[in-house]
Amino acid sequence: SGGGLVQAGGSLRLSCAPSGRTFSSYVMGWFRQAPGKERELIA
């Protein structure tokens, strides 16, 4: 959650919450995929 439309120079905070189990022991990653591009790992 937390996505949206923002002007250049602005800020957003994304959140990721699991349902069904806890992921406290897992490595977590954020990825992104732009139109026409492959999904890439960013953090």
All heavy atoms as atom14 arrays in JSON, in Angstrom:
{
  "sequence": "SGGGLVQAGGSLRLSCAPSGRTFSSYVMGWFRQAPGKERELIA",
  "atom14_mask": [
    [1, 1, 1, 1, 1, 1, 0, 0, 0, 0, 0, 0, 0, 0],
    [1, 1, 1, 1, 0, 0, 0, 0, 0, 0, 0, 0, 0, 0],
    [1, 1, 1, 1, 0, 0, 0, 0, 0, 0, 0, 0, 0, 0],
    [1, 1, 1, 1, 0, 0, 0, 0, 0, 0, 0, 0, 0, 0],
    [1, 1, 1, 1, 1, 1, 1, 1, 0, 0, 0, 0, 0, 0],
    [1, 1, 1, 1, 1, 1, 1, 0, 0, 0, 0, 0, 0, 0],
    [1, 1, 1, 1, 1, 1, 1, 1, 1, 0, 0, 0, 0, 0],
    [1, 1, 1, 1, 1, 0, 0, 0, 0, 0, 0, 0, 0, 0],
    [1, 1, 1, 1, 0, 0, 0, 0, 0, 0, 0, 0, 0, 0],
    [1, 1, 1, 1, 0, 0, 0, 0, 0, 0, 0, 0, 0, 0],
    [1, 1, 1, 1, 1, 1, 0, 0, 0, 0, 0, 0, 0, 0],
    [1, 1, 1, 1, 1, 1, 1, 1, 0, 0, 0, 0, 0, 0],
    [1, 1, 1, 1, 1, 1, 1, 1, 1, 1, 1, 0, 0, 0],
    [1, 1, 1, 1, 1, 1, 1, 1, 0, 0, 0, 0, 0, 0],
    [1, 1, 1, 1, 1, 1, 0, 0, 0, 0, 0, 0, 0, 0],
    [1, 1, 1, 1, 1, 1, 0, 0, 0, 0, 0, 0, 0, 0],
    [1, 1, 1, 1, 1, 0, 0, 0, 0, 0, 0, 0, 0, 0],
    [1, 1, 1, 1, 1, 1, 1, 0, 0, 0, 0, 0, 0, 0],
    [1, 1, 1, 1, 1, 1, 0, 0, 0, 0, 0, 0, 0, 0],
    [1, 1, 1, 1, 0, 0, 0, 0, 0, 0, 0, 0, 0, 0],
    [1, 1, 1, 1, 1, 1, 1, 1, 1, 1, 1, 0, 0, 0],
    [1, 1, 1, 1, 1, 1, 1, 0, 0, 0, 0, 0, 0, 0],
    [1, 1, 1, 1, 1, 1, 1, 1, 1, 1, 1, 0, 0, 0],
    [1, 1, 1, 1, 1, 1, 0, 0, 0, 0, 0, 0, 0, 0],
    [1, 1, 1, 1, 1, 1, 0, 0, 0, 0, 0, 0, 0, 0],
    [1, 1, 1, 1, 1, 1, 1, 1, 1, 1, 1, 1, 0, 0],
    [1, 1, 1, 1, 1, 1, 1, 0, 0, 0, 0, 0, 0, 0],
    [1, 1, 1, 1, 1, 1, 1, 1, 0, 0, 0, 0, 0, 0],
    [1, 1, 1, 1, 0, 0, 0, 0, 0, 0, 0, 0, 0, 0],
    [1, 1, 1, 1, 1, 1, 1, 1, 1, 1, 1, 1, 1, 1],
    [1, 1, 1, 1, 1, 1, 1, 1, 1, 1, 1, 0, 0, 0],
    [1, 1, 1, 1, 1, 1, 1, 1, 1, 1, 1, 0, 0, 0],
    [1, 1, 1, 1, 1, 1, 1, 1, 1, 0, 0, 0, 0, 0],
    [1, 1, 1, 1, 1, 0, 0, 0, 0, 0, 0, 0, 0, 0],
    [1, 1, 1, 1, 1, 1, 1, 0, 0, 0, 0, 0, 0, 0],
    [1, 1, 1, 1, 0, 0, 0, 0, 0, 0, 0, 0, 0, 0],
    [1, 1, 1, 1, 1, 1, 1, 1, 1, 0, 0, 0, 0, 0],
    [1, 1, 1, 1, 1, 1, 1, 1, 1, 0, 0, 0, 0, 0],
    [1, 1, 1, 1, 1, 1, 1, 1, 1, 1, 1, 0, 0, 0],
    [1, 1, 1, 1, 1, 1, 1, 1, 1, 0, 0, 0, 0, 0],
    [1, 1, 1, 1, 1, 1, 1, 1, 0, 0, 0, 0, 0, 0],
    [1, 1, 1, 1, 1, 1, 1, 1, 0, 0, 0, 0, 0, 0],
    [1, 1, 1, 1, 1, 0, 0, 0, 0, 0, 0, 0, 0, 0]
  ],
  "atom14_positions": [
    [[0.85, -1.19, 0.0], [0.0, 0.0, 0.0], [0.88, 1.23, 0.0], [2.09, 1.14, 0.25], [-0.93, 0.01, 1.21], [-0.18, 0.03, 2.41], [0.0, 0.0, 0.0], [0.0, 0.0, 0.0], [0.0, 0.0, 0.0], [0.0, 0.0, 0.0], [0.0, 0.0, 0.0], [0.0, 0.0, 0.0], [0.0, 0.0, 0.0], [0.0, 0.0, 0.0]],
    [[0.28, 2.38, -0.3], [1.01, 3.64, -0.22], [1.4, 4.24, -1.54], [1.96, 5.33, -1.59], [0.0, 0.0, 0.0], [0.0, 0.0, 0.0], [0.0, 0.0, 0.0], [0.0, 0.0, 0.0], [0.0, 0.0, 0.0], [0.0, 0.0, 0.0], [0.0, 0.0, 0.0], [0.0, 0.0, 0.0], [0.0, 0.0, 0.0], [0.0, 0.0, 0.0]],
    [[1.13, 3.54, -2.64], [1.46, 4.1, -3.94], [0.54, 5.24, -4.3], [-0.44, 5.53, -3.6], [0.0, 0.0, 0.0], [0.0, 0.0, 0.0], [0.0, 0.0, 0.0], [0.0, 0.0, 0.0], [0.0, 0.0, 0.0], [0.0, 0.0, 0.0], [0.0, 0.0, 0.0], [0.0, 0.0, 0.0], [0.0, 0.0, 0.0], [0.0, 0.0, 0.0]],
    [[0.86, 5.9, -5.41], [0.03, 7.01, -5.85], [0.74, 7.88, -6.85], [1.78, 7.5, -7.41], [0.0, 0.0, 0.0], [0.0, 0.0, 0.0], [0.0, 0.0, 0.0], [0.0, 0.0, 0.0], [0.0, 0.0, 0.0], [0.0, 0.0, 0.0], [0.0, 0.0, 0.0], [0.0, 0.0, 0.0], [0.0, 0.0, 0.0], [0.0, 0.0, 0.0]],
    [[0.17, 9.05, -7.08], [0.72, 10.04, -8.02], [1.39, 11.14, -7.22], [0.78, 11.7, -6.29], [-0.41, 10.6, -8.88], [-0.05, 11.76, -9.81], [0.96, 11.31, -10.86], [-1.31, 12.3, -10.47], [0.0, 0.0, 0.0], [0.0, 0.0, 0.0], [0.0, 0.0, 0.0], [0.0, 0.0, 0.0], [0.0, 0.0, 0.0], [0.0, 0.0, 0.0]],
    [[2.61, 11.47, -7.58], [3.36, 12.5, -6.88], [4.19, 13.27, -7.9], [4.58, 12.74, -8.95], [4.26, 11.87, -5.79], [5.32, 10.97, -6.4], [4.87, 12.93, -4.89], [0.0, 0.0, 0.0], [0.0, 0.0, 0.0], [0.0, 0.0, 0.0], [0.0, 0.0, 0.0], [0.0, 0.0, 0.0], [0.0, 0.0, 0.0], [0.0, 0.0, 0.0]],
    [[4.45, 14.54, -7.6], [5.3, 15.34, -8.48], [6.76, 15.02, -8.25], [7.16, 14.57, -7.16], [5.06, 16.83, -8.23], [3.71, 17.32, -8.75], [3.61, 18.84, -8.68], [4.18, 19.47, -7.81], [2.85, 19.42, -9.6], [0.0, 0.0, 0.0], [0.0, 0.0, 0.0], [0.0, 0.0, 0.0], [0.0, 0.0, 0.0], [0.0, 0.0, 0.0]],
    [[7.56, 15.25, -9.26], [9.0, 15.05, -9.14], [9.53, 15.85, -7.96], [9.13, 17.0, -7.73], [9.7, 15.47, -10.43], [0.0, 0.0, 0.0], [0.0, 0.0, 0.0], [0.0, 0.0, 0.0], [0.0, 0.0, 0.0], [0.0, 0.0, 0.0], [0.0, 0.0, 0.0], [0.0, 0.0, 0.0], [0.0, 0.0, 0.0], [0.0, 0.0, 0.0]],
    [[10.41, 15.21, -7.19], [10.94, 15.82, -5.99], [10.16, 15.49, -4.73], [10.62, 15.78, -3.62], [0.0, 0.0, 0.0], [0.0, 0.0, 0.0], [0.0, 0.0, 0.0], [0.0, 0.0, 0.0], [0.0, 0.0, 0.0], [0.0, 0.0, 0.0], [0.0, 0.0, 0.0], [0.0, 0.0, 0.0], [0.0, 0.0, 0.0], [0.0, 0.0, 0.0]],
    [[9.0, 14.89, -4.91], [8.15, 14.55, -3.78], [8.54, 13.24, -3.13], [9.54, 12.6, -3.49], [0.0, 0.0, 0.0], [0.0, 0.0, 0.0], [0.0, 0.0, 0.0], [0.0, 0.0, 0.0], [0.0, 0.0, 0.0], [0.0, 0.0, 0.0], [0.0, 0.0, 0.0], [0.0, 0.0, 0.0], [0.0, 0.0, 0.0], [0.0, 0.0, 0.0]],
    [[7.72, 12.82, -2.16], [8.0, 11.61, -1.37], [6.76, 10.74, -1.26], [5.63, 11.24, -1.32], [8.47, 12.0, 0.05], [9.66, 12.75, 0.01], [0.0, 0.0, 0.0], [0.0, 0.0, 0.0], [0.0, 0.0, 0.0], [0.0, 0.0, 0.0], [0.0, 0.0, 0.0], [0.0, 0.0, 0.0], [0.0, 0.0, 0.0], [0.0, 0.0, 0.0]],
    [[7.01, 9.46, -1.1], [5.96, 8.5, -0.8], [6.55, 7.45, 0.13], [7.77, 7.2, 0.1], [5.46, 7.78, -2.06], [4.52, 8.52, -3.01], [4.29, 7.69, -4.27], [3.21, 8.85, -2.34], [0.0, 0.0, 0.0], [0.0, 0.0, 0.0], [0.0, 0.0, 0.0], [0.0, 0.0, 0.0], [0.0, 0.0, 0.0], [0.0, 0.0, 0.0]],
    [[5.7, 6.85, 0.96], [6.14, 5.72, 1.77], [5.26, 4.52, 1.45], [4.03, 4.59, 1.64], [6.09, 6.01, 3.26], [6.74, 4.91, 4.09], [6.81, 5.2, 5.56], [5.57, 4.91, 6.26], [5.48, 4.63, 7.55], [6.59, 4.58, 8.28], [4.31, 4.41, 8.11], [0.0, 0.0, 0.0], [0.0, 0.0, 0.0], [0.0, 0.0, 0.0]],
    [[5.89, 3.47, 0.99], [5.18, 2.23, 0.72], [5.26, 1.32, 1.93], [6.25, 1.32, 2.65], [5.79, 1.52, -0.49], [5.91, 2.33, -1.79], [6.48, 1.44, -2.89], [4.59, 2.93, -2.18], [0.0, 0.0, 0.0], [0.0, 0.0, 0.0], [0.0, 0.0, 0.0], [0.0, 0.0, 0.0], [0.0, 0.0, 0.0], [0.0, 0.0, 0.0]],
    [[4.19, 0.55, 2.12], [4.15, -0.44, 3.2], [3.85, -1.8, 2.62], [3.18, -1.92, 1.59], [3.06, -0.08, 4.22], [3.31, 1.17, 4.82], [0.0, 0.0, 0.0], [0.0, 0.0, 0.0], [0.0, 0.0, 0.0], [0.0, 0.0, 0.0], [0.0, 0.0, 0.0], [0.0, 0.0, 0.0], [0.0, 0.0, 0.0], [0.0, 0.0, 0.0]],
    [[4.34, -2.82, 3.3], [4.1, -4.2, 2.88], [3.8, -5.0, 4.12], [4.64, -5.12, 5.02], [5.34, -4.74, 2.17], [5.27, -6.52, 1.83], [0.0, 0.0, 0.0], [0.0, 0.0, 0.0], [0.0, 0.0, 0.0], [0.0, 0.0, 0.0], [0.0, 0.0, 0.0], [0.0, 0.0, 0.0], [0.0, 0.0, 0.0], [0.0, 0.0, 0.0]],
    [[2.6, -5.55, 4.17], [2.19, -6.33, 5.33], [1.68, -7.68, 4.86], [0.82, -7.74, 3.98], [1.1, -5.6, 6.11], [0.0, 0.0, 0.0], [0.0, 0.0, 0.0], [0.0, 0.0, 0.0], [0.0, 0.0, 0.0], [0.0, 0.0, 0.0], [0.0, 0.0, 0.0], [0.0, 0.0, 0.0], [0.0, 0.0, 0.0], [0.0, 0.0, 0.0]],
    [[2.2, -8.75, 5.4], [1.73, -10.07, 4.99], [0.46, -10.48, 5.71], [0.16, -9.96, 6.79], [2.88, -10.99, 5.39], [3.49, -10.31, 6.56], [3.29, -8.84, 6.36], [0.0, 0.0, 0.0], [0.0, 0.0, 0.0], [0.0, 0.0, 0.0], [0.0, 0.0, 0.0], [0.0, 0.0, 0.0], [0.0, 0.0, 0.0], [0.0, 0.0, 0.0]],
    [[-0.27, -11.37, 5.11], [-1.4, -11.99, 5.78], [-1.22, -13.5, 5.69], [-0.7, -14.0, 4.7], [-2.72, -11.59, 5.12], [-2.77, -12.06, 3.79], [0.0, 0.0, 0.0], [0.0, 0.0, 0.0], [0.0, 0.0, 0.0], [0.0, 0.0, 0.0], [0.0, 0.0, 0.0], [0.0, 0.0, 0.0], [0.0, 0.0, 0.0], [0.0, 0.0, 0.0]],
    [[-1.58, -14.18, 6.72], [-1.48, -15.62, 6.68], [-0.28, -16.19, 7.4], [-0.25, -17.36, 7.73], [0.0, 0.0, 0.0], [0.0, 0.0, 0.0], [0.0, 0.0, 0.0], [0.0, 0.0, 0.0], [0.0, 0.0, 0.0], [0.0, 0.0, 0.0], [0.0, 0.0, 0.0], [0.0, 0.0, 0.0], [0.0, 0.0, 0.0], [0.0, 0.0, 0.0]],
    [[0.77, -15.39, 7.59], [1.93, -15.87, 8.32], [2.8, -14.67, 8.66], [2.59, -13.58, 8.15], [2.72, -16.89, 7.53], [3.41, -16.34, 6.28], [4.33, -17.37, 5.64], [5.42, -17.7, 6.53], [6.18, -18.77, 6.38], [5.93, -19.63, 5.41], [7.18, -19.01, 7.21], [0.0, 0.0, 0.0], [0.0, 0.0, 0.0], [0.0, 0.0, 0.0]],
    [[3.81, -14.92, 9.49], [4.76, -13.87, 9.81], [6.02, -14.05, 8.96], [6.42, -15.18, 8.66], [5.12, -13.9, 11.3], [6.09, -12.88, 11.55], [5.72, -15.24, 11.7], [0.0, 0.0, 0.0], [0.0, 0.0, 0.0], [0.0, 0.0, 0.0], [0.0, 0.0, 0.0], [0.0, 0.0, 0.0], [0.0, 0.0, 0.0], [0.0, 0.0, 0.0]],
    [[6.63, -12.94, 8.57], [7.84, -12.98, 7.78], [9.01, -12.37, 8.54], [9.97, -11.91, 7.94], [7.62, -12.23, 6.46], [6.82, -13.02, 5.47], [5.44, -12.95, 5.47], [7.44, -13.83, 4.55], [4.7, -13.69, 4.57], [6.71, -14.57, 3.65], [5.33, -14.5, 3.66], [0.0, 0.0, 0.0], [0.0, 0.0, 0.0], [0.0, 0.0, 0.0]],
    [[8.94, -12.38, 9.86], [9.95, -11.7, 10.66], [11.33, -12.3, 10.49], [12.32, -11.63, 10.74], [9.55, -11.69, 12.13], [9.38, -13.02, 12.6], [0.0, 0.0, 0.0], [0.0, 0.0, 0.0], [0.0, 0.0, 0.0], [0.0, 0.0, 0.0], [0.0, 0.0, 0.0], [0.0, 0.0, 0.0], [0.0, 0.0, 0.0], [0.0, 0.0, 0.0]],
    [[11.43, -13.57, 10.07], [12.74, -14.2, 9.91], [13.21, -14.19, 8.45], [14.28, -14.71, 8.16], [12.7, -15.63, 10.42], [11.79, -16.4, 9.65], [0.0, 0.0, 0.0], [0.0, 0.0, 0.0], [0.0, 0.0, 0.0], [0.0, 0.0, 0.0], [0.0, 0.0, 0.0], [0.0, 0.0, 0.0], [0.0, 0.0, 0.0], [0.0, 0.0, 0.0]],
    [[12.44, -13.6, 7.56], [12.75, -13.63, 6.14], [13.5, -12.37, 5.71], [13.28, -11.28, 6.24], [11.46, -13.72, 5.31], [10.9, -15.11, 5.21], [10.43, -15.78, 6.33], [10.83, -15.75, 3.97], [9.91, -17.06, 6.23], [10.3, -17.02, 3.86], [9.84, -17.67, 4.98], [9.33, -18.93, 4.88], [0.0, 0.0, 0.0], [0.0, 0.0, 0.0]],
    [[14.34, -12.53, 4.71], [14.86, -11.38, 3.98], [13.72, -10.84, 3.11], [13.04, -11.6, 2.42], [16.07, -11.78, 3.09], [16.46, -10.61, 2.19], [17.23, -12.24, 3.95], [0.0, 0.0, 0.0], [0.0, 0.0, 0.0], [0.0, 0.0, 0.0], [0.0, 0.0, 0.0], [0.0, 0.0, 0.0], [0.0, 0.0, 0.0], [0.0, 0.0, 0.0]],
    [[13.52, -9.55, 3.19], [12.46, -8.91, 2.42], [13.06, -7.98, 1.38], [14.09, -7.35, 1.61], [11.55, -8.1, 3.35], [10.9, -8.92, 4.44], [9.73, -10.14, 3.81], [8.45, -9.07, 3.11], [0.0, 0.0, 0.0], [0.0, 0.0, 0.0], [0.0, 0.0, 0.0], [0.0, 0.0, 0.0], [0.0, 0.0, 0.0], [0.0, 0.0, 0.0]],
    [[12.39, -7.91, 0.25], [12.88, -7.06, -0.82], [11.77, -6.23, -1.44], [10.6, -6.61, -1.39], [0.0, 0.0, 0.0], [0.0, 0.0, 0.0], [0.0, 0.0, 0.0], [0.0, 0.0, 0.0], [0.0, 0.0, 0.0], [0.0, 0.0, 0.0], [0.0, 0.0, 0.0], [0.0, 0.0, 0.0], [0.0, 0.0, 0.0], [0.0, 0.0, 0.0]],
    [[12.16, -5.08, -1.98], [11.27, -4.27, -2.81], [11.79, -4.34, -4.25], [12.99, -4.2, -4.49], [11.24, -2.82, -2.35], [10.39, -2.6, -1.13], [10.82, -2.5, 0.16], [8.97, -2.44, -1.1], [9.75, -2.31, 1.0], [8.6, -2.25, 0.25], [7.97, -2.43, -2.07], [7.27, -2.07, 0.66], [6.65, -2.24, -1.67], [6.31, -2.07, -0.33]],
    [[10.87, -4.57, -5.15], [11.16, -4.63, -6.57], [10.28, -3.62, -7.28], [9.28, -3.16, -6.73], [10.83, -6.04, -7.12], [11.67, -7.14, -6.55], [11.46, -7.61, -5.26], [12.67, -7.72, -7.3], [12.23, -8.63, -4.72], [13.45, -8.76, -6.78], [13.23, -9.2, -5.49], [0.0, 0.0, 0.0], [0.0, 0.0, 0.0], [0.0, 0.0, 0.0]],
    [[10.62, -3.3, -8.52], [9.75, -2.47, -9.32], [9.81, -2.9, -10.78], [10.82, -3.46, -11.23], [10.11, -0.98, -9.19], [11.44, -0.58, -9.79], [11.71, 0.88, -9.49], [13.0, 1.32, -10.06], [13.54, 2.51, -9.81], [12.91, 3.38, -9.02], [14.69, 2.82, -10.36], [0.0, 0.0, 0.0], [0.0, 0.0, 0.0], [0.0, 0.0, 0.0]],
    [[8.73, -2.63, -11.47], [8.66, -2.97, -12.89], [8.01, -1.81, -13.64], [6.84, -1.5, -13.42], [7.87, -4.25, -13.11], [7.9, -4.75, -14.53], [7.42, -6.18, -14.67], [6.74, -6.71, -13.79], [7.77, -6.83, -15.78], [0.0, 0.0, 0.0], [0.0, 0.0, 0.0], [0.0, 0.0, 0.0], [0.0, 0.0, 0.0], [0.0, 0.0, 0.0]],
    [[8.8, -1.19, -14.51], [8.3, -0.11, -15.35], [7.75, -0.71, -16.64], [8.12, -1.82, -17.03], [9.43, 0.86, -15.65], [0.0, 0.0, 0.0], [0.0, 0.0, 0.0], [0.0, 0.0, 0.0], [0.0, 0.0, 0.0], [0.0, 0.0, 0.0], [0.0, 0.0, 0.0], [0.0, 0.0, 0.0], [0.0, 0.0, 0.0], [0.0, 0.0, 0.0]],
    [[6.88, 0.01, -17.33], [6.3, -0.51, -18.58], [7.38, -0.89, -19.58], [8.3, -0.12, -19.85], [5.47, 0.68, -19.08], [5.12, 1.44, -17.86], [6.3, 1.31, -16.95], [0.0, 0.0, 0.0], [0.0, 0.0, 0.0], [0.0, 0.0, 0.0], [0.0, 0.0, 0.0], [0.0, 0.0, 0.0], [0.0, 0.0, 0.0], [0.0, 0.0, 0.0]],
    [[7.27, -2.1, -20.11], [8.22, -2.55, -21.11], [9.56, -2.98, -20.58], [10.47, -3.3, -21.35], [0.0, 0.0, 0.0], [0.0, 0.0, 0.0], [0.0, 0.0, 0.0], [0.0, 0.0, 0.0], [0.0, 0.0, 0.0], [0.0, 0.0, 0.0], [0.0, 0.0, 0.0], [0.0, 0.0, 0.0], [0.0, 0.0, 0.0], [0.0, 0.0, 0.0]],
    [[9.7, -3.0, -19.26], [10.99, -3.38, -18.66], [10.83, -4.58, -17.76], [9.72, -4.91, -17.33], [11.58, -2.2, -17.89], [11.96, -1.02, -18.76], [12.72, 0.02, -17.96], [13.17, 1.17, -18.85], [13.93, 2.2, -18.08], [0.0, 0.0, 0.0], [0.0, 0.0, 0.0], [0.0, 0.0, 0.0], [0.0, 0.0, 0.0], [0.0, 0.0, 0.0]],
    [[11.95, -5.23, -17.45], [11.92, -6.35, -16.54], [11.79, -5.87, -15.1], [12.17, -4.75, -14.77], [13.2, -7.17, -16.7], [13.31, -7.89, -18.03], [14.49, -8.83, -18.07], [15.31, -8.81, -17.14], [14.6, -9.59, -19.05], [0.0, 0.0, 0.0], [0.0, 0.0, 0.0], [0.0, 0.0, 0.0], [0.0, 0.0, 0.0], [0.0, 0.0, 0.0]],
    [[11.26, -6.75, -14.27], [11.18, -6.43, -12.85], [12.59, -6.41, -12.28], [13.39, -7.3, -12.53], [10.32, -7.47, -12.13], [9.93, -7.11, -10.73], [8.93, -8.1, -10.16], [7.72, -8.14, -10.96], [6.62, -8.83, -10.6], [6.61, -9.51, -9.45], [5.56, -8.84, -11.37], [0.0, 0.0, 0.0], [0.0, 0.0, 0.0], [0.0, 0.0, 0.0]],
    [[12.89, -5.37, -11.48], [14.24, -5.23, -10.93], [14.18, -5.09, -9.42], [13.25, -4.49, -8.85], [14.95, -4.0, -11.52], [14.31, -2.67, -11.19], [15.18, -1.47, -11.51], [16.42, -1.63, -11.65], [14.62, -0.36, -11.62], [0.0, 0.0, 0.0], [0.0, 0.0, 0.0], [0.0, 0.0, 0.0], [0.0, 0.0, 0.0], [0.0, 0.0, 0.0]],
    [[15.2, -5.64, -8.79], [15.36, -5.5, -7.34], [15.9, -4.11, -7.04], [16.87, -3.67, -7.66], [16.34, -6.56, -6.84], [16.8, -6.43, -5.4], [15.64, -6.66, -4.44], [17.94, -7.39, -5.12], [0.0, 0.0, 0.0], [0.0, 0.0, 0.0], [0.0, 0.0, 0.0], [0.0, 0.0, 0.0], [0.0, 0.0, 0.0], [0.0, 0.0, 0.0]],
    [[15.31, -3.42, -6.07], [15.82, -2.1, -5.72], [16.3, -2.0, -4.28], [17.16, -1.17, -3.98], [14.8, -0.98, -6.02], [13.49, -1.22, -5.25], [14.55, -0.85, -7.51], [12.53, -0.04, -5.35], [0.0, 0.0, 0.0], [0.0, 0.0, 0.0], [0.0, 0.0, 0.0], [0.0, 0.0, 0.0], [0.0, 0.0, 0.0], [0.0, 0.0, 0.0]],
    [[15.8, -2.83, -3.39], [16.22, -2.76, -1.99], [15.97, -4.08, -1.29], [14.99, -4.77, -1.58], [15.5, -1.63, -1.25], [0.0, 0.0, 0.0], [0.0, 0.0, 0.0], [0.0, 0.0, 0.0], [0.0, 0.0, 0.0], [0.0, 0.0, 0.0], [0.0, 0.0, 0.0], [0.0, 0.0, 0.0], [0.0, 0.0, 0.0], [0.0, 0.0, 0.0]]
  ]
}
